[in-house]
Amino acid sequence: MPSNLPNKVAATEAALELINILVEKHGELMFHQSGGCCDGSSPMCYARGELQLGERDRCLGEIGGQPFYIDRQQYRAWGEAELLIDVVAGRGGMFSLEGSEGVRFHTRSMNATPAGASDT
């Protein structure tokens, strides 16, 4: 991530601990905020380079030293909020690396309510 970009994403201590576990198991990671209707609050976690990024994807910053991306339209739908990544019980997207740990990453808005989304 270029150092001149502001970091628009942060992580809770629980999320940082999980990131460390996943880095130990899988190496460098990358995150992409889901835009799907069912997993809209679940960022997907991949091995770095596993997801091909497009020209519409925007890097919001890093969490635990790992880049975090979101589709530009999805970011606008969130009201260009600063995002806080947390961990909750249960399984997330089937391709997200944390699923085997029995938990999933969860996105919360730190300063705005996403258009049409909730915090649950």
N, C-alpha and C. Protein backbone atom coordinates (compact mmCIF):
# COMPACT_ATOMS: atom_id res chain seq x y z
N MET A 1 0.85 -1.18 0.00
CA MET A 1 0.00 0.00 0.00
C MET A 1 0.90 1.24 0.00
N PRO A 2 0.64 2.17 -0.88
CA PRO A 2 1.42 3.40 -0.88
C PRO A 2 1.29 4.12 0.45
N SER A 3 2.39 4.60 0.98
CA SER A 3 2.39 5.23 2.30
C SER A 3 1.63 6.55 2.34
N ASN A 4 1.34 7.14 1.17
CA ASN A 4 0.64 8.43 1.17
C ASN A 4 -0.87 8.28 1.25
N LEU A 5 -1.39 7.04 1.22
CA LEU A 5 -2.83 6.82 1.34
C LEU A 5 -3.21 6.70 2.81
N PRO A 6 -4.32 7.33 3.20
CA PRO A 6 -4.76 7.18 4.58
C PRO A 6 -5.29 5.76 4.81
N ASN A 7 -5.10 5.23 6.01
CA ASN A 7 -5.61 3.91 6.35
C ASN A 7 -7.06 4.07 6.77
N LYS A 8 -7.99 3.50 5.99
CA LYS A 8 -9.42 3.62 6.25
C LYS A 8 -9.99 2.35 6.86
N VAL A 9 -9.11 1.48 7.36
CA VAL A 9 -9.54 0.22 7.95
C VAL A 9 -8.67 -0.06 9.18
N ALA A 10 -9.31 -0.58 10.22
CA ALA A 10 -8.60 -0.95 11.46
C ALA A 10 -9.11 -2.31 11.90
N ALA A 11 -8.43 -2.91 12.85
CA ALA A 11 -8.82 -4.24 13.33
C ALA A 11 -8.81 -4.27 14.85
N THR A 12 -9.73 -5.05 15.40
CA THR A 12 -9.75 -5.26 16.84
C THR A 12 -8.60 -6.18 17.22
N GLU A 13 -8.33 -6.26 18.52
CA GLU A 13 -7.27 -7.16 19.00
C GLU A 13 -7.57 -8.60 18.62
N ALA A 14 -8.83 -9.01 18.71
CA ALA A 14 -9.21 -10.38 18.33
C ALA A 14 -8.93 -10.64 16.86
N ALA A 15 -9.22 -9.68 16.01
CA ALA A 15 -8.96 -9.83 14.58
C ALA A 15 -7.45 -9.91 14.32
N LEU A 16 -6.68 -9.10 15.01
CA LEU A 16 -5.22 -9.13 14.82
C LEU A 16 -4.63 -10.47 15.27
N GLU A 17 -5.15 -11.02 16.35
CA GLU A 17 -4.69 -12.34 16.81
C GLU A 17 -5.01 -13.41 15.78
N LEU A 18 -6.21 -13.37 15.21
CA LEU A 18 -6.60 -14.34 14.19
C LEU A 18 -5.74 -14.18 12.94
N ILE A 19 -5.47 -12.95 12.55
CA ILE A 19 -4.60 -12.70 11.40
C ILE A 19 -3.24 -13.35 11.62
N ASN A 20 -2.68 -13.19 12.82
CA ASN A 20 -1.38 -13.79 13.11
C ASN A 20 -1.42 -15.31 12.97
N ILE A 21 -2.49 -15.93 13.45
CA ILE A 21 -2.65 -17.39 13.33
C ILE A 21 -2.70 -17.79 11.86
N LEU A 22 -3.48 -17.05 11.08
CA LEU A 22 -3.63 -17.38 9.66
C LEU A 22 -2.35 -17.15 8.87
N VAL A 23 -1.59 -16.11 9.22
CA VAL A 23 -0.31 -15.87 8.55
C VAL A 23 0.65 -17.03 8.84
N GLU A 24 0.66 -17.52 10.08
CA GLU A 24 1.50 -18.67 10.42
C GLU A 24 1.15 -19.89 9.57
N LYS A 25 -0.13 -20.10 9.32
CA LYS A 25 -0.59 -21.27 8.57
C LYS A 25 -0.49 -21.11 7.06
N HIS A 26 -0.76 -19.89 6.56
CA HIS A 26 -0.93 -19.70 5.11
C HIS A 26 0.04 -18.72 4.48
N GLY A 27 0.86 -18.05 5.25
CA GLY A 27 1.74 -17.02 4.69
C GLY A 27 1.01 -15.69 4.57
N GLU A 28 1.52 -14.82 3.71
CA GLU A 28 0.92 -13.49 3.57
C GLU A 28 -0.52 -13.59 3.10
N LEU A 29 -1.33 -12.67 3.60
CA LEU A 29 -2.77 -12.67 3.33
C LEU A 29 -3.18 -11.42 2.57
N MET A 30 -4.43 -11.43 2.13
CA MET A 30 -5.08 -10.25 1.59
C MET A 30 -6.56 -10.35 1.95
N PHE A 31 -7.20 -9.22 2.11
CA PHE A 31 -8.63 -9.17 2.44
C PHE A 31 -9.37 -8.44 1.33
N HIS A 32 -10.62 -8.87 1.11
CA HIS A 32 -11.49 -8.16 0.19
C HIS A 32 -12.88 -8.12 0.81
N GLN A 33 -13.42 -6.92 0.93
CA GLN A 33 -14.75 -6.76 1.51
C GLN A 33 -15.79 -7.30 0.57
N SER A 34 -16.57 -8.26 1.05
CA SER A 34 -17.62 -8.86 0.25
C SER A 34 -18.67 -7.83 -0.10
N GLY A 35 -19.22 -7.95 -1.29
CA GLY A 35 -20.31 -7.09 -1.71
C GLY A 35 -21.60 -7.86 -1.88
N GLY A 36 -21.59 -9.14 -1.53
CA GLY A 36 -22.78 -9.97 -1.70
C GLY A 36 -23.87 -9.62 -0.71
N CYS A 37 -25.08 -9.98 -1.06
CA CYS A 37 -26.22 -9.63 -0.20
C CYS A 37 -26.18 -10.38 1.13
N CYS A 38 -25.68 -11.60 1.13
CA CYS A 38 -25.70 -12.40 2.35
C CYS A 38 -24.47 -12.18 3.21
N ASP A 39 -23.34 -11.94 2.59
CA ASP A 39 -22.09 -11.78 3.32
C ASP A 39 -21.59 -10.34 3.28
N GLY A 40 -22.49 -9.38 3.17
CA GLY A 40 -22.09 -8.00 3.02
C GLY A 40 -21.26 -7.46 4.16
N SER A 41 -21.34 -8.06 5.34
CA SER A 41 -20.54 -7.59 6.46
C SER A 41 -19.36 -8.51 6.73
N SER A 42 -19.08 -9.44 5.82
CA SER A 42 -17.99 -10.39 6.01
C SER A 42 -16.89 -10.15 5.00
N PRO A 43 -15.75 -9.65 5.44
CA PRO A 43 -14.63 -9.55 4.51
C PRO A 43 -14.08 -10.95 4.26
N MET A 44 -13.64 -11.19 3.07
CA MET A 44 -13.06 -12.47 2.71
C MET A 44 -11.55 -12.38 2.88
N CYS A 45 -10.97 -13.44 3.44
CA CYS A 45 -9.54 -13.52 3.69
C CYS A 45 -8.95 -14.59 2.78
N TYR A 46 -7.94 -14.22 2.00
CA TYR A 46 -7.31 -15.12 1.04
C TYR A 46 -5.80 -15.13 1.26
N ALA A 47 -5.16 -16.18 0.75
CA ALA A 47 -3.70 -16.15 0.64
C ALA A 47 -3.38 -15.02 -0.34
N ARG A 48 -2.32 -14.28 -0.05
CA ARG A 48 -1.95 -13.14 -0.90
C ARG A 48 -1.82 -13.58 -2.35
N GLY A 49 -2.48 -12.86 -3.24
CA GLY A 49 -2.42 -13.14 -4.66
C GLY A 49 -3.46 -14.15 -5.14
N GLU A 50 -4.19 -14.78 -4.23
CA GLU A 50 -5.18 -15.78 -4.61
C GLU A 50 -6.39 -15.16 -5.30
N LEU A 51 -6.74 -13.95 -4.95
CA LEU A 51 -7.86 -13.24 -5.57
C LEU A 51 -7.30 -12.25 -6.58
N GLN A 52 -7.79 -12.33 -7.79
CA GLN A 52 -7.36 -11.38 -8.81
C GLN A 52 -8.13 -10.08 -8.62
N LEU A 53 -7.42 -9.01 -8.42
CA LEU A 53 -8.04 -7.71 -8.22
C LEU A 53 -8.30 -7.04 -9.56
N GLY A 54 -9.34 -6.22 -9.60
CA GLY A 54 -9.68 -5.49 -10.82
C GLY A 54 -9.42 -4.00 -10.65
N GLU A 55 -9.63 -3.29 -11.72
CA GLU A 55 -9.38 -1.84 -11.69
C GLU A 55 -10.39 -1.12 -10.80
N ARG A 56 -11.51 -1.77 -10.45
CA ARG A 56 -12.51 -1.14 -9.57
C ARG A 56 -12.20 -1.36 -8.10
N ASP A 57 -11.23 -2.21 -7.79
CA ASP A 57 -10.89 -2.47 -6.40
C ASP A 57 -10.00 -1.38 -5.85
N ARG A 58 -10.25 -1.02 -4.61
CA ARG A 58 -9.51 0.05 -3.95
C ARG A 58 -8.89 -0.50 -2.67
N CYS A 59 -7.63 -0.20 -2.44
CA CYS A 59 -6.97 -0.60 -1.20
C CYS A 59 -7.31 0.44 -0.14
N LEU A 60 -7.95 -0.02 0.95
CA LEU A 60 -8.31 0.89 2.05
C LEU A 60 -7.19 1.04 3.06
N GLY A 61 -6.25 0.13 3.04
CA GLY A 61 -5.16 0.16 4.01
C GLY A 61 -4.73 -1.25 4.35
N GLU A 62 -4.20 -1.40 5.54
CA GLU A 62 -3.72 -2.70 6.00
C GLU A 62 -4.23 -2.98 7.40
N ILE A 63 -4.45 -4.26 7.67
CA ILE A 63 -4.73 -4.72 9.03
C ILE A 63 -3.75 -5.86 9.31
N GLY A 64 -3.06 -5.76 10.41
CA GLY A 64 -2.06 -6.77 10.74
C GLY A 64 -1.00 -6.92 9.67
N GLY A 65 -0.71 -5.85 8.95
CA GLY A 65 0.29 -5.89 7.89
C GLY A 65 -0.20 -6.50 6.60
N GLN A 66 -1.50 -6.77 6.49
CA GLN A 66 -2.07 -7.41 5.31
C GLN A 66 -3.01 -6.43 4.60
N PRO A 67 -2.93 -6.31 3.27
CA PRO A 67 -3.74 -5.33 2.55
C PRO A 67 -5.24 -5.68 2.57
N PHE A 68 -6.05 -4.63 2.60
CA PHE A 68 -7.50 -4.77 2.65
C PHE A 68 -8.10 -3.99 1.49
N TYR A 69 -8.85 -4.69 0.64
CA TYR A 69 -9.43 -4.11 -0.57
C TYR A 69 -10.95 -4.12 -0.51
N ILE A 70 -11.54 -3.22 -1.29
CA ILE A 70 -13.00 -3.17 -1.42
C ILE A 70 -13.31 -2.62 -2.82
N ASP A 71 -14.40 -3.08 -3.40
CA ASP A 71 -14.86 -2.53 -4.67
C ASP A 71 -15.27 -1.07 -4.44
N ARG A 72 -14.93 -0.20 -5.37
CA ARG A 72 -15.22 1.23 -5.20
C ARG A 72 -16.71 1.50 -4.98
N GLN A 73 -17.57 0.80 -5.72
CA GLN A 73 -19.01 1.02 -5.54
C GLN A 73 -19.47 0.54 -4.16
N GLN A 74 -18.93 -0.56 -3.71
CA GLN A 74 -19.27 -1.07 -2.38
C GLN A 74 -18.82 -0.05 -1.32
N TYR A 75 -17.66 0.52 -1.50
CA TYR A 75 -17.15 1.52 -0.55
C TYR A 75 -18.07 2.73 -0.50
N ARG A 76 -18.54 3.17 -1.65
CA ARG A 76 -19.48 4.30 -1.68
C ARG A 76 -20.78 3.93 -0.98
N ALA A 77 -21.23 2.67 -1.15
CA ALA A 77 -22.46 2.21 -0.49
C ALA A 77 -22.30 2.23 1.03
N TRP A 78 -21.09 2.02 1.52
CA TRP A 78 -20.82 2.07 2.96
C TRP A 78 -20.70 3.51 3.44
N GLY A 79 -20.87 4.46 2.55
CA GLY A 79 -20.78 5.86 2.95
C GLY A 79 -19.35 6.31 3.14
N GLU A 80 -18.40 5.65 2.47
CA GLU A 80 -16.97 5.95 2.58
C GLU A 80 -16.53 5.98 4.03
N ALA A 81 -17.07 5.07 4.81
CA ALA A 81 -16.76 4.99 6.23
C ALA A 81 -15.38 4.40 6.48
N GLU A 82 -14.88 4.63 7.68
CA GLU A 82 -13.72 3.89 8.15
C GLU A 82 -14.26 2.57 8.68
N LEU A 83 -13.63 1.47 8.30
CA LEU A 83 -14.12 0.15 8.66
C LEU A 83 -13.31 -0.44 9.81
N LEU A 84 -14.01 -1.14 10.70
CA LEU A 84 -13.38 -1.85 11.80
C LEU A 84 -13.64 -3.34 11.60
N ILE A 85 -12.58 -4.12 11.53
CA ILE A 85 -12.70 -5.55 11.31
C ILE A 85 -12.59 -6.25 12.65
N ASP A 86 -13.59 -7.08 12.93
CA ASP A 86 -13.67 -7.81 14.19
C ASP A 86 -13.80 -9.30 13.87
N VAL A 87 -13.95 -10.12 14.90
CA VAL A 87 -14.14 -11.56 14.76
C VAL A 87 -15.40 -11.94 15.53
N VAL A 88 -16.24 -12.77 14.90
CA VAL A 88 -17.44 -13.27 15.56
C VAL A 88 -17.50 -14.79 15.35
N ALA A 89 -18.27 -15.45 16.20
CA ALA A 89 -18.42 -16.90 16.10
C ALA A 89 -19.20 -17.26 14.85
N GLY A 90 -18.93 -18.43 14.31
CA GLY A 90 -19.65 -18.93 13.14
C GLY A 90 -18.80 -18.92 11.90
N ARG A 91 -19.30 -19.58 10.88
CA ARG A 91 -18.56 -19.68 9.62
C ARG A 91 -18.95 -18.55 8.68
N GLY A 92 -17.97 -18.04 7.98
CA GLY A 92 -18.20 -17.00 6.98
C GLY A 92 -18.26 -17.61 5.60
N GLY A 93 -17.74 -16.89 4.62
CA GLY A 93 -17.72 -17.38 3.25
C GLY A 93 -16.88 -18.64 3.12
N MET A 94 -17.31 -19.54 2.27
CA MET A 94 -16.65 -20.85 2.19
C MET A 94 -15.21 -20.77 1.69
N PHE A 95 -14.83 -19.70 1.02
CA PHE A 95 -13.46 -19.60 0.52
C PHE A 95 -12.58 -18.74 1.42
N SER A 96 -13.11 -18.21 2.49
CA SER A 96 -12.34 -17.36 3.38
C SER A 96 -11.55 -18.24 4.35
N LEU A 97 -10.27 -17.94 4.52
CA LEU A 97 -9.35 -18.81 5.25
C LEU A 97 -9.69 -19.02 6.71
N GLU A 98 -10.39 -18.10 7.35
CA GLU A 98 -10.65 -18.25 8.79
C GLU A 98 -11.74 -19.26 9.10
N GLY A 99 -12.47 -19.74 8.09
CA GLY A 99 -13.57 -20.67 8.31
C GLY A 99 -13.18 -21.91 9.09
N SER A 100 -11.99 -22.41 8.88
CA SER A 100 -11.54 -23.62 9.58
C SER A 100 -11.30 -23.37 11.07
N GLU A 101 -11.29 -22.12 11.47
CA GLU A 101 -11.06 -21.77 12.87
C GLU A 101 -12.36 -21.67 13.66
N GLY A 102 -13.51 -21.82 12.98
CA GLY A 102 -14.82 -21.76 13.64
C GLY A 102 -15.29 -20.35 13.92
N VAL A 103 -14.65 -19.37 13.31
CA VAL A 103 -15.02 -17.96 13.47
C VAL A 103 -15.01 -17.31 12.09
N ARG A 104 -15.48 -16.07 12.04
CA ARG A 104 -15.40 -15.32 10.79
C ARG A 104 -15.08 -13.87 11.10
N PHE A 105 -14.45 -13.23 10.14
CA PHE A 105 -14.22 -11.80 10.25
C PHE A 105 -15.55 -11.09 10.01
N HIS A 106 -15.71 -9.94 10.65
CA HIS A 106 -16.95 -9.17 10.54
C HIS A 106 -16.59 -7.69 10.44
N THR A 107 -17.23 -6.99 9.52
CA THR A 107 -16.94 -5.57 9.31
C THR A 107 -17.98 -4.71 10.00
N ARG A 108 -17.48 -3.71 10.69
CA ARG A 108 -18.34 -2.71 11.32
C ARG A 108 -17.89 -1.34 10.82
N SER A 109 -18.84 -0.45 10.70
CA SER A 109 -18.52 0.91 10.31
C SER A 109 -18.16 1.70 11.55
N MET A 110 -17.05 2.44 11.50
CA MET A 110 -16.62 3.22 12.67
C MET A 110 -17.25 4.59 12.70
N ASN A 111 -17.75 5.10 11.56
CA ASN A 111 -18.22 6.47 11.58
C ASN A 111 -19.40 6.75 10.66
N ALA A 112 -20.05 5.73 10.16
CA ALA A 112 -21.20 5.95 9.30
C ALA A 112 -22.02 4.66 9.23
N THR A 113 -23.27 4.77 8.89
CA THR A 113 -24.12 3.61 8.70
C THR A 113 -24.17 3.29 7.22
N PRO A 114 -23.76 2.09 6.82
CA PRO A 114 -23.80 1.74 5.41
C PRO A 114 -25.21 1.85 4.85
N ALA A 115 -25.31 2.31 3.63
CA ALA A 115 -26.61 2.41 2.98
C ALA A 115 -27.20 1.02 2.80
N GLY A 116 -28.33 0.75 3.44
CA GLY A 116 -29.00 -0.52 3.31
C GLY A 116 -28.37 -1.66 4.08
N ALA A 117 -27.40 -1.37 4.94
CA ALA A 117 -26.75 -2.44 5.70
C ALA A 117 -26.98 -2.24 7.18
N SER A 118 -26.79 -3.30 7.94
CA SER A 118 -26.91 -3.19 9.38
C SER A 118 -25.63 -3.68 10.03
N ASP A 119 -25.52 -3.53 11.32
CA ASP A 119 -24.33 -3.90 12.07
C ASP A 119 -24.45 -5.29 12.66
N THR A 120 -25.37 -6.10 12.17
CA THR A 120 -25.53 -7.45 12.69
C THR A 120 -25.15 -8.49 11.69
